[in-house]
Amino acid sequence: MAASDLRIVLTFSPEDQTRLRVSSVAVPDFFSAHGVAPAAGDALRIGGRQFVVQGRVWEHDGLRPVLRLLMGSGHAASDTVFG
């Protein structure tokens, strides 16, 4: 399957969805033209917050495969602990 055949949808908690909408943060299309689908544990930075892929759900919208990424709660950069 070519990367362009796969639609990847990020799914956030209601609180994070509201925060992104109120802050007018545009969620970039991170995975367009990527040959490798994201995996659980991958981290994304969006609007100064870090989100981790908690799970993946494969679906089909009738036209093509859809990979829904279940994103963990966002943490501000100052709240993030590595290691």
PDB file of N, CA and C in Angstrom:
ATOM      1  N   MET A   1       0.845  -1.167   0.000  1.00  0.00           N
ATOM      2  CA  MET A   1       0.000   0.000   0.000  1.00  0.00           C
ATOM      3  C   MET A   1       0.891   1.231   0.000  1.00  0.00           C
ATOM      4  N   ALA A   2       0.636   2.161  -0.868  1.00  0.00           N
ATOM      5  CA  ALA A   2       1.385   3.411  -0.923  1.00  0.00           C
ATOM      6  C   ALA A   2       0.961   4.304   0.230  1.00  0.00           C
ATOM      7  N   ALA A   3       1.880   5.167   0.673  1.00  0.00           N
ATOM      8  CA  ALA A   3       1.577   6.064   1.791  1.00  0.00           C
ATOM      9  C   ALA A   3       0.371   6.946   1.484  1.00  0.00           C
ATOM     10  N   SER A   4       0.181   7.318   0.209  1.00  0.00           N
ATOM     11  CA  SER A   4      -0.931   8.196  -0.154  1.00  0.00           C
ATOM     12  C   SER A   4      -2.279   7.483  -0.064  1.00  0.00           C
ATOM     13  N   ASP A   5      -2.279   6.147  -0.019  1.00  0.00           N
ATOM     14  CA  ASP A   5      -3.526   5.391   0.093  1.00  0.00           C
ATOM     15  C   ASP A   5      -4.047   5.338   1.522  1.00  0.00           C
ATOM     16  N   LEU A   6      -3.224   5.683   2.475  1.00  0.00           N
ATOM     17  CA  LEU A   6      -3.579   5.580   3.881  1.00  0.00           C
ATOM     18  C   LEU A   6      -3.912   6.960   4.437  1.00  0.00           C
ATOM     19  N   ARG A   7      -5.073   7.053   5.070  1.00  0.00           N
ATOM     20  CA  ARG A   7      -5.448   8.302   5.757  1.00  0.00           C
ATOM     21  C   ARG A   7      -5.197   8.094   7.237  1.00  0.00           C
ATOM     22  N   ILE A   8      -4.464   9.033   7.857  1.00  0.00           N
ATOM     23  CA  ILE A   8      -4.143   8.950   9.279  1.00  0.00           C
ATOM     24  C   ILE A   8      -4.875  10.077   9.995  1.00  0.00           C
ATOM     25  N   VAL A   9      -5.659   9.698  11.013  1.00  0.00           N
ATOM     26  CA  VAL A   9      -6.483  10.649  11.755  1.00  0.00           C
ATOM     27  C   VAL A   9      -6.030  10.644  13.209  1.00  0.00           C
ATOM     28  N   LEU A  10      -5.711  11.837  13.731  1.00  0.00           N
ATOM     29  CA  LEU A  10      -5.333  11.957  15.134  1.00  0.00           C
ATOM     30  C   LEU A  10      -6.597  12.174  15.962  1.00  0.00           C
ATOM     31  N   THR A  11      -6.748  11.405  17.055  1.00  0.00           N
ATOM     32  CA  THR A  11      -7.916  11.511  17.925  1.00  0.00           C
ATOM     33  C   THR A  11      -7.447  11.925  19.315  1.00  0.00           C
ATOM     34  N   PHE A  12      -7.951  13.078  19.773  1.00  0.00           N
ATOM     35  CA  PHE A  12      -7.548  13.646  21.055  1.00  0.00           C
ATOM     36  C   PHE A  12      -8.669  13.508  22.080  1.00  0.00           C
ATOM     37  N   SER A  13      -8.306  13.624  23.353  1.00  0.00           N
ATOM     38  CA  SER A  13      -9.303  13.647  24.421  1.00  0.00           C
ATOM     39  C   SER A  13     -10.152  14.912  24.252  1.00  0.00           C
ATOM     40  N   PRO A  14     -11.370  14.921  24.790  1.00  0.00           N
ATOM     41  CA  PRO A  14     -12.209  16.122  24.674  1.00  0.00           C
ATOM     42  C   PRO A  14     -11.516  17.383  25.218  1.00  0.00           C
ATOM     43  N   GLU A  15     -10.785  17.259  26.321  1.00  0.00           N
ATOM     44  CA  GLU A  15     -10.085  18.413  26.899  1.00  0.00           C
ATOM     45  C   GLU A  15      -9.011  18.935  25.949  1.00  0.00           C
ATOM     46  N   ASP A  16      -8.234  18.022  25.370  1.00  0.00           N
ATOM     47  CA  ASP A  16      -7.185  18.440  24.447  1.00  0.00           C
ATOM     48  C   ASP A  16      -7.780  19.003  23.159  1.00  0.00           C
ATOM     49  N   GLN A  17      -8.875  18.420  22.674  1.00  0.00           N
ATOM     50  CA  GLN A  17      -9.548  18.960  21.494  1.00  0.00           C
ATOM     51  C   GLN A  17      -9.984  20.393  21.748  1.00  0.00           C
ATOM     52  N   THR A  18     -10.560  20.642  22.907  1.00  0.00           N
ATOM     53  CA  THR A  18     -11.002  21.991  23.256  1.00  0.00           C
ATOM     54  C   THR A  18      -9.818  22.937  23.348  1.00  0.00           C
ATOM     55  N   ARG A  19      -8.741  22.502  24.000  1.00  0.00           N
ATOM     56  CA  ARG A  19      -7.550  23.345  24.135  1.00  0.00           C
ATOM     57  C   ARG A  19      -6.989  23.710  22.767  1.00  0.00           C
ATOM     58  N   LEU A  20      -6.900  22.743  21.864  1.00  0.00           N
ATOM     59  CA  LEU A  20      -6.377  23.013  20.528  1.00  0.00           C
ATOM     60  C   LEU A  20      -7.287  23.979  19.760  1.00  0.00           C
ATOM     61  N   ARG A  21      -8.602  23.769  19.886  1.00  0.00           N
ATOM     62  CA  ARG A  21      -9.552  24.632  19.174  1.00  0.00           C
ATOM     63  C   ARG A  21      -9.520  26.060  19.724  1.00  0.00           C
ATOM     64  N   VAL A  22      -9.575  26.211  21.048  1.00  0.00           N
ATOM     65  CA  VAL A  22      -9.592  27.533  21.673  1.00  0.00           C
ATOM     66  C   VAL A  22      -8.280  28.277  21.403  1.00  0.00           C
ATOM     67  N   SER A  23      -7.183  27.553  21.387  1.00  0.00           N
ATOM     68  CA  SER A  23      -5.870  28.160  21.126  1.00  0.00           C
ATOM     69  C   SER A  23      -5.615  28.379  19.645  1.00  0.00           C
ATOM     70  N   SER A  24      -6.548  27.967  18.793  1.00  0.00           N
ATOM     71  CA  SER A  24      -6.412  28.087  17.334  1.00  0.00           C
ATOM     72  C   SER A  24      -5.136  27.425  16.821  1.00  0.00           C
ATOM     73  N   VAL A  25      -4.833  26.263  17.384  1.00  0.00           N
ATOM     74  CA  VAL A  25      -3.649  25.508  16.953  1.00  0.00           C
ATOM     75  C   VAL A  25      -4.045  24.623  15.781  1.00  0.00           C
ATOM     76  N   ALA A  26      -3.345  24.794  14.677  1.00  0.00           N
ATOM     77  CA  ALA A  26      -3.573  23.941  13.507  1.00  0.00           C
ATOM     78  C   ALA A  26      -2.755  22.664  13.672  1.00  0.00           C
ATOM     79  N   VAL A  27      -3.425  21.521  13.551  1.00  0.00           N
ATOM     80  CA  VAL A  27      -2.726  20.238  13.658  1.00  0.00           C
ATOM     81  C   VAL A  27      -2.176  19.902  12.270  1.00  0.00           C
ATOM     82  N   PRO A  28      -0.840  19.879  12.131  1.00  0.00           N
ATOM     83  CA  PRO A  28      -0.253  19.592  10.822  1.00  0.00           C
ATOM     84  C   PRO A  28      -0.489  18.146  10.392  1.00  0.00           C
ATOM     85  N   ASP A  29      -0.402  17.916   9.099  1.00  0.00           N
ATOM     86  CA  ASP A  29      -0.525  16.566   8.553  1.00  0.00           C
ATOM     87  C   ASP A  29       0.862  15.933   8.607  1.00  0.00           C
ATOM     88  N   PHE A  30       1.217  15.446   9.802  1.00  0.00           N
ATOM     89  CA  PHE A  30       2.551  14.912  10.053  1.00  0.00           C
ATOM     90  C   PHE A  30       2.943  13.794   9.091  1.00  0.00           C
ATOM     91  N   PHE A  31       1.991  12.971   8.716  1.00  0.00           N
ATOM     92  CA  PHE A  31       2.328  11.718   8.065  1.00  0.00           C
ATOM     93  C   PHE A  31       2.050  11.688   6.570  1.00  0.00           C
ATOM     94  N   SER A  32       1.747  12.843   5.959  1.00  0.00           N
ATOM     95  CA  SER A  32       1.547  12.828   4.517  1.00  0.00           C
ATOM     96  C   SER A  32       2.888  12.522   3.851  1.00  0.00           C
ATOM     97  N   ALA A  33       2.845  11.648   2.880  1.00  0.00           N
ATOM     98  CA  ALA A  33       4.021  11.252   2.105  1.00  0.00           C
ATOM     99  C   ALA A  33       5.045  10.450   2.908  1.00  0.00           C
ATOM    100  N   HIS A  34       4.670   9.942   4.080  1.00  0.00           N
ATOM    101  CA  HIS A  34       5.563   9.066   4.834  1.00  0.00           C
ATOM    102  C   HIS A  34       5.255   7.628   4.455  1.00  0.00           C
ATOM    103  N   GLY A  35       6.276   6.828   4.311  1.00  0.00           N
ATOM    104  CA  GLY A  35       6.099   5.435   3.956  1.00  0.00           C
ATOM    105  C   GLY A  35       5.849   4.527   5.143  1.00  0.00           C
ATOM    106  N   VAL A  36       6.032   5.048   6.364  1.00  0.00           N
ATOM    107  CA  VAL A  36       5.898   4.237   7.565  1.00  0.00           C
ATOM    108  C   VAL A  36       4.816   4.842   8.455  1.00  0.00           C
ATOM    109  N   ALA A  37       3.873   4.007   8.863  1.00  0.00           N
ATOM    110  CA  ALA A  37       2.807   4.477   9.763  1.00  0.00           C
ATOM    111  C   ALA A  37       3.365   4.667  11.165  1.00  0.00           C
ATOM    112  N   PRO A  38       2.834   5.617  11.929  1.00  0.00           N
ATOM    113  CA  PRO A  38       3.301   5.823  13.295  1.00  0.00           C
ATOM    114  C   PRO A  38       2.970   4.634  14.188  1.00  0.00           C
ATOM    115  N   ALA A  39       3.752   4.470  15.223  1.00  0.00           N
ATOM    116  CA  ALA A  39       3.580   3.344  16.155  1.00  0.00           C
ATOM    117  C   ALA A  39       3.197   3.857  17.534  1.00  0.00           C
ATOM    118  N   ALA A  40       2.613   2.986  18.331  1.00  0.00           N
ATOM    119  CA  ALA A  40       2.317   3.330  19.720  1.00  0.00           C
ATOM    120  C   ALA A  40       3.617   3.733  20.400  1.00  0.00           C
ATOM    121  N   GLY A  41       3.549   4.797  21.173  1.00  0.00           N
ATOM    122  CA  GLY A  41       4.734   5.304  21.849  1.00  0.00           C
ATOM    123  C   GLY A  41       5.392   6.469  21.137  1.00  0.00           C
ATOM    124  N   ASP A  42       5.070   6.671  19.859  1.00  0.00           N
ATOM    125  CA  ASP A  42       5.613   7.823  19.147  1.00  0.00           C
ATOM    126  C   ASP A  42       5.079   9.096  19.777  1.00  0.00           C
ATOM    127  N   ALA A  43       5.903  10.136  19.844  1.00  0.00           N
ATOM    128  CA  ALA A  43       5.506  11.410  20.428  1.00  0.00           C
ATOM    129  C   ALA A  43       5.433  12.477  19.336  1.00  0.00           C
ATOM    130  N   LEU A  44       4.440  13.348  19.455  1.00  0.00           N
ATOM    131  CA  LEU A  44       4.261  14.463  18.522  1.00  0.00           C
ATOM    132  C   LEU A  44       4.188  15.752  19.319  1.00  0.00           C
ATOM    133  N   ARG A  45       4.793  16.809  18.821  1.00  0.00           N
ATOM    134  CA  ARG A  45       4.669  18.130  19.433  1.00  0.00           C
ATOM    135  C   ARG A  45       3.693  18.944  18.596  1.00  0.00           C
ATOM    136  N   ILE A  46       2.648  19.416  19.264  1.00  0.00           N
ATOM    137  CA  ILE A  46       1.620  20.219  18.603  1.00  0.00           C
ATOM    138  C   ILE A  46       1.306  21.396  19.508  1.00  0.00           C
ATOM    139  N   GLY A  47       1.502  22.604  19.006  1.00  0.00           N
ATOM    140  CA  GLY A  47       1.177  23.796  19.779  1.00  0.00           C
ATOM    141  C   GLY A  47       1.898  23.883  21.106  1.00  0.00           C
ATOM    142  N   GLY A  48       3.168  23.454  21.159  1.00  0.00           N
ATOM    143  CA  GLY A  48       3.952  23.544  22.375  1.00  0.00           C
ATOM    144  C   GLY A  48       3.645  22.460  23.395  1.00  0.00           C
ATOM    145  N   ARG A  49       2.854  21.471  23.012  1.00  0.00           N
ATOM    146  CA  ARG A  49       2.517  20.379  23.928  1.00  0.00           C
ATOM    147  C   ARG A  49       2.958  19.065  23.293  1.00  0.00           C
ATOM    148  N   GLN A  50       3.245  18.106  24.149  1.00  0.00           N
ATOM    149  CA  GLN A  50       3.664  16.787  23.664  1.00  0.00           C
ATOM    150  C   GLN A  50       2.522  15.804  23.838  1.00  0.00           C
ATOM    151  N   PHE A  51       2.234  15.076  22.757  1.00  0.00           N
ATOM    152  CA  PHE A  51       1.213  14.036  22.761  1.00  0.00           C
ATOM    153  C   PHE A  51       1.874  12.725  22.371  1.00  0.00           C
ATOM    154  N   VAL A  52       1.500  11.647  23.048  1.00  0.00           N
ATOM    155  CA  VAL A  52       2.065  10.327  22.758  1.00  0.00           C
ATOM    156  C   VAL A  52       0.962   9.450  22.185  1.00  0.00           C
ATOM    157  N   VAL A  53       1.303   8.689  21.139  1.00  0.00           N
ATOM    158  CA  VAL A  53       0.353   7.756  20.542  1.00  0.00           C
ATOM    159  C   VAL A  53       0.125   6.619  21.536  1.00  0.00           C
ATOM    160  N   GLN A  54      -1.089   6.545  22.080  1.00  0.00           N
ATOM    161  CA  GLN A  54      -1.428   5.529  23.073  1.00  0.00           C
ATOM    162  C   GLN A  54      -1.939   4.243  22.425  1.00  0.00           C
ATOM    163  N   GLY A  55      -2.532   4.380  21.265  1.00  0.00           N
ATOM    164  CA  GLY A  55      -3.079   3.209  20.583  1.00  0.00           C
ATOM    165  C   GLY A  55      -3.368   3.520  19.128  1.00  0.00           C
ATOM    166  N   ARG A  56      -3.607   2.463  18.354  1.00  0.00           N
ATOM    167  CA  ARG A  56      -3.901   2.594  16.925  1.00  0.00           C
ATOM    168  C   ARG A  56      -5.122   1.747  16.607  1.00  0.00           C
ATOM    169  N   VAL A  57      -6.021   2.310  15.825  1.00  0.00           N
ATOM    170  CA  VAL A  57      -7.221   1.590  15.399  1.00  0.00           C
ATOM    171  C   VAL A  57      -7.273   1.636  13.879  1.00  0.00           C
ATOM    172  N   TRP A  58      -7.324   0.467  13.262  1.00  0.00           N
ATOM    173  CA  TRP A  58      -7.439   0.390  11.810  1.00  0.00           C
ATOM    174  C   TRP A  58      -8.914   0.338  11.427  1.00  0.00           C
ATOM    175  N   GLU A  59      -9.298   1.187  10.480  1.00  0.00           N
ATOM    176  CA  GLU A  59     -10.669   1.248   9.996  1.00  0.00           C
ATOM    177  C   GLU A  59     -10.632   1.319   8.473  1.00  0.00           C
ATOM    178  N   HIS A  60     -11.798   1.322   7.870  1.00  0.00           N
ATOM    179  CA  HIS A  60     -11.911   1.536   6.432  1.00  0.00           C
ATOM    180  C   HIS A  60     -13.106   2.442   6.201  1.00  0.00           C
ATOM    181  N   ASP A  61     -12.914   3.518   5.447  1.00  0.00           N
ATOM    182  CA  ASP A  61     -13.994   4.483   5.238  1.00  0.00           C
ATOM    183  C   ASP A  61     -14.812   4.207   3.978  1.00  0.00           C
ATOM    184  N   GLY A  62     -14.622   3.033   3.381  1.00  0.00           N
ATOM    185  CA  GLY A  62     -15.330   2.687   2.156  1.00  0.00           C
ATOM    186  C   GLY A  62     -14.523   2.998   0.904  1.00  0.00           C
ATOM    187  N   LEU A  63     -13.512   3.854   1.047  1.00  0.00           N
ATOM    188  CA  LEU A  63     -12.658   4.204  -0.083  1.00  0.00           C
ATOM    189  C   LEU A  63     -11.213   3.758   0.113  1.00  0.00           C
ATOM    190  N   ARG A  64     -10.756   3.862   1.347  1.00  0.00           N
ATOM    191  CA  ARG A  64      -9.355   3.532   1.624  1.00  0.00           C
ATOM    192  C   ARG A  64      -9.179   3.225   3.107  1.00  0.00           C
ATOM    193  N   PRO A  65      -8.048   2.651   3.487  1.00  0.00           N
ATOM    194  CA  PRO A  65      -7.784   2.365   4.899  1.00  0.00           C
ATOM    195  C   PRO A  65      -7.592   3.659   5.686  1.00  0.00           C
ATOM    196  N   VAL A  66      -8.003   3.615   6.933  1.00  0.00           N
ATOM    197  CA  VAL A  66      -7.841   4.745   7.842  1.00  0.00           C
ATOM    198  C   VAL A  66      -7.150   4.228   9.100  1.00  0.00           C
ATOM    199  N   LEU A  67      -6.098   4.895   9.505  1.00  0.00           N
ATOM    200  CA  LEU A  67      -5.419   4.576  10.754  1.00  0.00           C
ATOM    201  C   LEU A  67      -5.747   5.689  11.736  1.00  0.00           C
ATOM    202  N   ARG A  68      -6.526   5.367  12.755  1.00  0.00           N
ATOM    203  CA  ARG A  68      -6.895   6.344  13.777  1.00  0.00           C
ATOM    204  C   ARG A  68      -5.909   6.207  14.925  1.00  0.00           C
ATOM    205  N   LEU A  69      -5.224   7.313  15.236  1.00  0.00           N
ATOM    206  CA  LEU A  69      -4.259   7.326  16.332  1.00  0.00           C
ATOM    207  C   LEU A  69      -4.925   7.895  17.572  1.00  0.00           C
ATOM    208  N   LEU A  70      -4.917   7.138  18.645  1.00  0.00           N
ATOM    209  CA  LEU A  70      -5.484   7.575  19.912  1.00  0.00           C
ATOM    210  C   LEU A  70      -4.366   8.255  20.692  1.00  0.00           C
ATOM    211  N   MET A  71      -4.477   9.573  20.813  1.00  0.00           N
ATOM    212  CA  MET A  71      -3.415  10.365  21.415  1.00  0.00           C
ATOM    213  C   MET A  71      -3.620  10.504  22.917  1.00  0.00           C
ATOM    214  N   GLY A  72      -2.519  10.393  23.671  1.00  0.00           N
ATOM    215  CA  GLY A  72      -2.569  10.593  25.122  1.00  0.00           C
ATOM    216  C   GLY A  72      -2.738  12.061  25.433  1.00  0.00           C
ATOM    217  N   SER A  73      -2.991  12.377  26.673  1.00  0.00           N
ATOM    218  CA  SER A  73      -3.191  13.758  27.106  1.00  0.00           C
ATOM    219  C   SER A  73      -1.931  14.582  26.824  1.00  0.00           C
ATOM    220  N   GLY A  74      -2.164  15.806  26.385  1.00  0.00           N
ATOM    221  CA  GLY A  74      -1.051  16.689  26.073  1.00  0.00           C
ATOM    222  C   GLY A  74      -0.395  17.237  27.325  1.00  0.00           C
ATOM    223  N   HIS A  75       0.906  17.359  27.289  1.00  0.00           N
ATOM    224  CA  HIS A  75       1.672  17.922  28.392  1.00  0.00           C
ATOM    225  C   HIS A  75       2.480  19.081  27.847  1.00  0.00           C
ATOM    226  N   ALA A  76       2.477  20.184  28.580  1.00  0.00           N
ATOM    227  CA  ALA A  76       3.277  21.331  28.188  1.00  0.00           C
ATOM    228  C   ALA A  76       4.756  20.952  28.244  1.00  0.00           C
ATOM    229  N   ALA A  77       5.547  21.621  27.447  1.00  0.00           N
ATOM    230  CA  ALA A  77       6.979  21.304  27.400  1.00  0.00           C
ATOM    231  C   ALA A  77       7.619  21.381  28.775  1.00  0.00           C
ATOM    232  N   SER A  78       7.181  22.315  29.610  1.00  0.00           N
ATOM    233  CA  SER A  78       7.773  22.451  30.940  1.00  0.00           C
ATOM    234  C   SER A  78       7.326  21.334  31.874  1.00  0.00           C
ATOM    235  N   ASP A  79       6.206  20.636  31.530  1.00  0.00           N
ATOM    236  CA  ASP A  79       5.710  19.546  32.345  1.00  0.00           C
ATOM    237  C   ASP A  79       6.265  18.190  31.925  1.00  0.00           C
ATOM    238  N   THR A  80       6.947  18.148  30.803  1.00  0.00           N
ATOM    239  CA  THR A  80       7.394  16.884  30.235  1.00  0.00           C
ATOM    240  C   THR A  80       8.687  16.424  30.903  1.00  0.00           C
ATOM    241  N   VAL A  81       8.693  15.186  31.317  1.00  0.00           N
ATOM    242  CA  VAL A  81       9.878  14.597  31.933  1.00  0.00           C
ATOM    243  C   VAL A  81      10.372  13.480  31.032  1.00  0.00           C
ATOM    244  N   PHE A  82      11.609  13.543  30.634  1.00  0.00           N
ATOM    245  CA  PHE A  82      12.193  12.507  29.800  1.00  0.00           C
ATOM    246  C   PHE A  82      13.111  11.652  30.673  1.00  0.00           C
ATOM    247  N   GLY A  83      13.041  10.323  30.451  1.00  0.00           N
ATOM    248  CA  GLY A  83      13.952   9.437  31.153  1.00  0.00           C
ATOM    249  C   GLY A  83      13.340   8.865  32.319  1.00  0.00           C
TER     250      GLY A  83
END
